C-alpha atoms as a PDB file:
ATOM      1  CA  MET A   1       0.000   0.000   0.000  1.00  0.00           C
ATOM      2  CA  GLU A   2       1.397   3.390  -1.037  1.00  0.00           C
ATOM      3  CA  GLN A   3       1.736   5.882   1.776  1.00  0.00           C
ATOM      4  CA  LYS A   4       0.892   9.481   0.896  1.00  0.00           C
ATOM      5  CA  ASN A   5       2.792  12.336   2.431  1.00  0.00           C
ATOM      6  CA  LYS A   6      -0.077  14.439   3.755  1.00  0.00           C
ATOM      7  CA  ARG A   7       1.045  17.670   5.310  1.00  0.00           C
ATOM      8  CA  LYS A   8      -1.170  19.053   8.044  1.00  0.00           C
ATOM      9  CA  PHE A   9      -1.895  22.769   8.002  1.00  0.00           C
ATOM     10  CA  GLU A  10      -3.102  24.843  10.883  1.00  0.00           C
ATOM     11  CA  ARG A  11      -6.768  25.638  10.287  1.00  0.00           C
ATOM     12  CA  VAL A  12      -7.856  29.204  10.992  1.00  0.00           C
ATOM     13  CA  LYS A  13     -11.587  30.006  11.060  1.00  0.00           C
ATOM     14  CA  ILE A  14     -12.430  33.406   9.567  1.00  0.00           C
ATOM     15  CA  ASN A  15     -15.862  35.030   9.652  1.00  0.00           C
ATOM     16  CA  SER A  16     -16.818  38.257   7.897  1.00  0.00           C
ATOM     17  CA  GLU A  17     -16.036  40.440  10.952  1.00  0.00           C
ATOM     18  CA  LYS A  18     -12.355  39.466  10.762  1.00  0.00           C
ATOM     19  CA  ILE A  19     -12.064  40.229   7.033  1.00  0.00           C
ATOM     20  CA  TYR A  20     -10.533  43.669   6.479  1.00  0.00           C
ATOM     21  CA  ASP A  21      -9.792  43.197   2.771  1.00  0.00           C
ATOM     22  CA  LEU A  22     -10.452  40.326   0.388  1.00  0.00           C
ATOM     23  CA  SER A  23      -9.636  39.681  -3.249  1.00  0.00           C
ATOM     24  CA  GLU A  24      -9.180  36.674  -5.497  1.00  0.00           C
ATOM     25  CA  GLY A  25      -5.469  36.783  -4.672  1.00  0.00           C
ATOM     26  CA  GLY A  26      -5.642  36.886  -0.906  1.00  0.00           C
ATOM     27  CA  ILE A  27      -7.060  38.261   2.307  1.00  0.00           C
ATOM     28  CA  TYR A  28      -6.104  40.681   5.068  1.00  0.00           C
ATOM     29  CA  ILE A  29      -7.358  39.372   8.400  1.00  0.00           C
ATOM     30  CA  ARG A  30      -7.839  41.538  11.492  1.00  0.00           C
ATOM     31  CA  THR A  31      -6.095  39.810  14.364  1.00  0.00           C
ATOM     32  CA  THR A  32      -3.825  40.556  17.284  1.00  0.00           C
ATOM     33  CA  GLU A  33      -2.512  36.985  17.101  1.00  0.00           C
ATOM     34  CA  PRO A  34      -1.042  36.601  13.595  1.00  0.00           C
ATOM     35  CA  ARG A  35       0.606  33.398  12.493  1.00  0.00           C
ATOM     36  CA  PRO A  36       4.358  33.544  11.777  1.00  0.00           C
ATOM     37  CA  LEU A  37       5.519  35.118   8.523  1.00  0.00           C
ATOM     38  CA  GLY A  38       5.833  32.467   5.816  1.00  0.00           C
ATOM     39  CA  SER A  39       3.413  30.055   7.545  1.00  0.00           C
ATOM     40  CA  ILE A  40       1.184  27.973   5.310  1.00  0.00           C
ATOM     41  CA  ILE A  41      -2.297  27.835   6.813  1.00  0.00           C
ATOM     42  CA  ALA A  42      -5.700  26.453   5.879  1.00  0.00           C
ATOM     43  CA  LEU A  43      -8.353  29.158   6.065  1.00  0.00           C
ATOM     44  CA  GLU A  44     -11.958  28.279   6.688  1.00  0.00           C
ATOM     45  CA  LEU A  45     -13.795  31.304   5.273  1.00  0.00           C
ATOM     46  CA  LYS A  46     -17.423  31.894   6.181  1.00  0.00           C
ATOM     47  CA  LEU A  47     -18.386  34.548   3.632  1.00  0.00           C
ATOM     48  CA  PHE A  48     -22.163  34.264   3.458  1.00  0.00           C
ATOM     49  CA  GLU A  49     -24.374  33.583   6.460  1.00  0.00           C
ATOM     50  CA  ASN A  50     -26.336  30.700   4.910  1.00  0.00           C
ATOM     51  CA  ASP A  51     -23.449  29.102   2.981  1.00  0.00           C
ATOM     52  CA  GLU A  52     -21.023  26.443   4.051  1.00  0.00           C
ATOM     53  CA  PRO A  53     -17.528  27.782   4.788  1.00  0.00           C
ATOM     54  CA  ILE A  54     -14.918  27.336   2.076  1.00  0.00           C
ATOM     55  CA  LEU A  55     -11.498  25.912   2.837  1.00  0.00           C
ATOM     56  CA  VAL A  56      -8.516  27.534   1.106  1.00  0.00           C
ATOM     57  CA  LYS A  57      -4.775  27.325   1.611  1.00  0.00           C
ATOM     58  CA  GLY A  58      -2.655  30.434   1.999  1.00  0.00           C
ATOM     59  CA  LYS A  59       0.749  31.772   2.944  1.00  0.00           C
ATOM     60  CA  VAL A  60       1.256  34.567   5.484  1.00  0.00           C
ATOM     61  CA  ILE A  61       3.111  37.271   3.536  1.00  0.00           C
ATOM     62  CA  ARG A  62       2.761  40.319   5.811  1.00  0.00           C
ATOM     63  CA  ILE A  63       2.154  41.013   9.481  1.00  0.00           C
ATOM     64  CA  VAL A  64       1.046  44.305  11.033  1.00  0.00           C
ATOM     65  CA  TYR A  65       1.449  44.379  14.810  1.00  0.00           C
ATOM     66  CA  PRO A  66      -0.678  46.681  17.013  1.00  0.00           C
ATOM     67  CA  LYS A  67       2.273  48.996  17.796  1.00  0.00           C
ATOM     68  CA  GLY A  68       3.259  49.318  14.134  1.00  0.00           C
ATOM     69  CA  ALA A  69      -0.206  49.636  12.631  1.00  0.00           C
ATOM     70  CA  PRO A  70      -0.797  52.861  10.692  1.00  0.00           C
ATOM     71  CA  LYS A  71      -3.721  54.997  11.854  1.00  0.00           C
ATOM     72  CA  LYS A  72      -7.092  53.611  10.763  1.00  0.00           C
ATOM     73  CA  PHE A  73      -5.451  50.322   9.705  1.00  0.00           C
ATOM     74  CA  PRO A  74      -6.029  47.337  11.967  1.00  0.00           C
ATOM     75  CA  PRO A  75      -3.343  44.976  13.198  1.00  0.00           C
ATOM     76  CA  GLY A  76      -3.439  41.650  11.395  1.00  0.00           C
ATOM     77  CA  MET A  77      -1.915  39.511   8.686  1.00  0.00           C
ATOM     78  CA  ALA A  78      -2.010  39.362   4.910  1.00  0.00           C
ATOM     79  CA  VAL A  79      -2.420  35.895   3.449  1.00  0.00           C
ATOM     80  CA  GLN A  80      -1.830  35.079  -0.213  1.00  0.00           C
ATOM     81  CA  PHE A  81      -4.048  32.278  -1.514  1.00  0.00           C
ATOM     82  CA  ILE A  82      -2.394  29.138  -2.850  1.00  0.00           C
ATOM     83  CA  GLU A  83      -4.127  26.867  -5.374  1.00  0.00           C
ATOM     84  CA  LEU A  84      -7.543  28.574  -5.269  1.00  0.00           C
ATOM     85  CA  ASP A  85     -10.010  26.520  -7.310  1.00  0.00           C
ATOM     86  CA  GLU A  86     -12.508  28.183  -9.663  1.00  0.00           C
ATOM     87  CA  GLN A  87     -15.556  27.418  -7.487  1.00  0.00           C
ATOM     88  CA  HIS A  88     -14.015  29.177  -4.469  1.00  0.00           C
ATOM     89  CA  ARG A  89     -12.702  32.007  -6.660  1.00  0.00           C
ATOM     90  CA  GLU A  90     -16.255  32.629  -7.920  1.00  0.00           C
ATOM     91  CA  LYS A  91     -17.651  32.680  -4.367  1.00  0.00           C
ATOM     92  CA  ILE A  92     -15.002  35.247  -3.389  1.00  0.00           C
ATOM     93  CA  ARG A  93     -15.879  37.346  -6.479  1.00  0.00           C
ATOM     94  CA  ARG A  94     -19.543  37.366  -5.451  1.00  0.00           C
ATOM     95  CA  TYR A  95     -18.656  38.372  -1.886  1.00  0.00           C
ATOM     96  CA  VAL A  96     -16.385  41.223  -3.039  1.00  0.00           C
ATOM     97  CA  GLN A  97     -19.012  42.467  -5.506  1.00  0.00           C
ATOM     98  CA  GLN A  98     -21.741  42.381  -2.839  1.00  0.00           C
ATOM     99  CA  ARG A  99     -19.524  44.378  -0.433  1.00  0.00           C
ATOM    100  CA  LYS A 100     -18.844  47.003  -3.141  1.00  0.00           C
ATOM    101  CA  GLU A 101     -22.581  47.378  -3.808  1.00  0.00           C
ATOM    102  CA  LEU A 102     -23.332  47.737  -0.084  1.00  0.00           C
ATOM    103  CA  SER A 103     -20.649  50.400   0.363  1.00  0.00           C
ATOM    104  CA  LYS A 104     -22.149  52.481  -2.460  1.00  0.00           C
ATOM    105  CA  SER A 105     -25.568  52.651  -0.761  1.00  0.00           C
END
């Protein structure tokens, strides 16, 4: 029997309140407990209230600590998505579009 090398990733649950910025390329998450720079994490994103969360992999590419955060910019971490499939990409597109429409009203 062939043994697969399955790497475990830390799973981080993200709801819409923690999302500061989101695009098809990545996400900026408000947090005072960022993961280490370069960490590969599995993000469980709950974008829409009645939808199942989506699971995406990402790499922490930037950290903003509370002391170093610019004014009106929250502490947190920027995560670049890795291997985002088309179904999840489309769900993110819909979420971003809905947020743009709500901000215009």
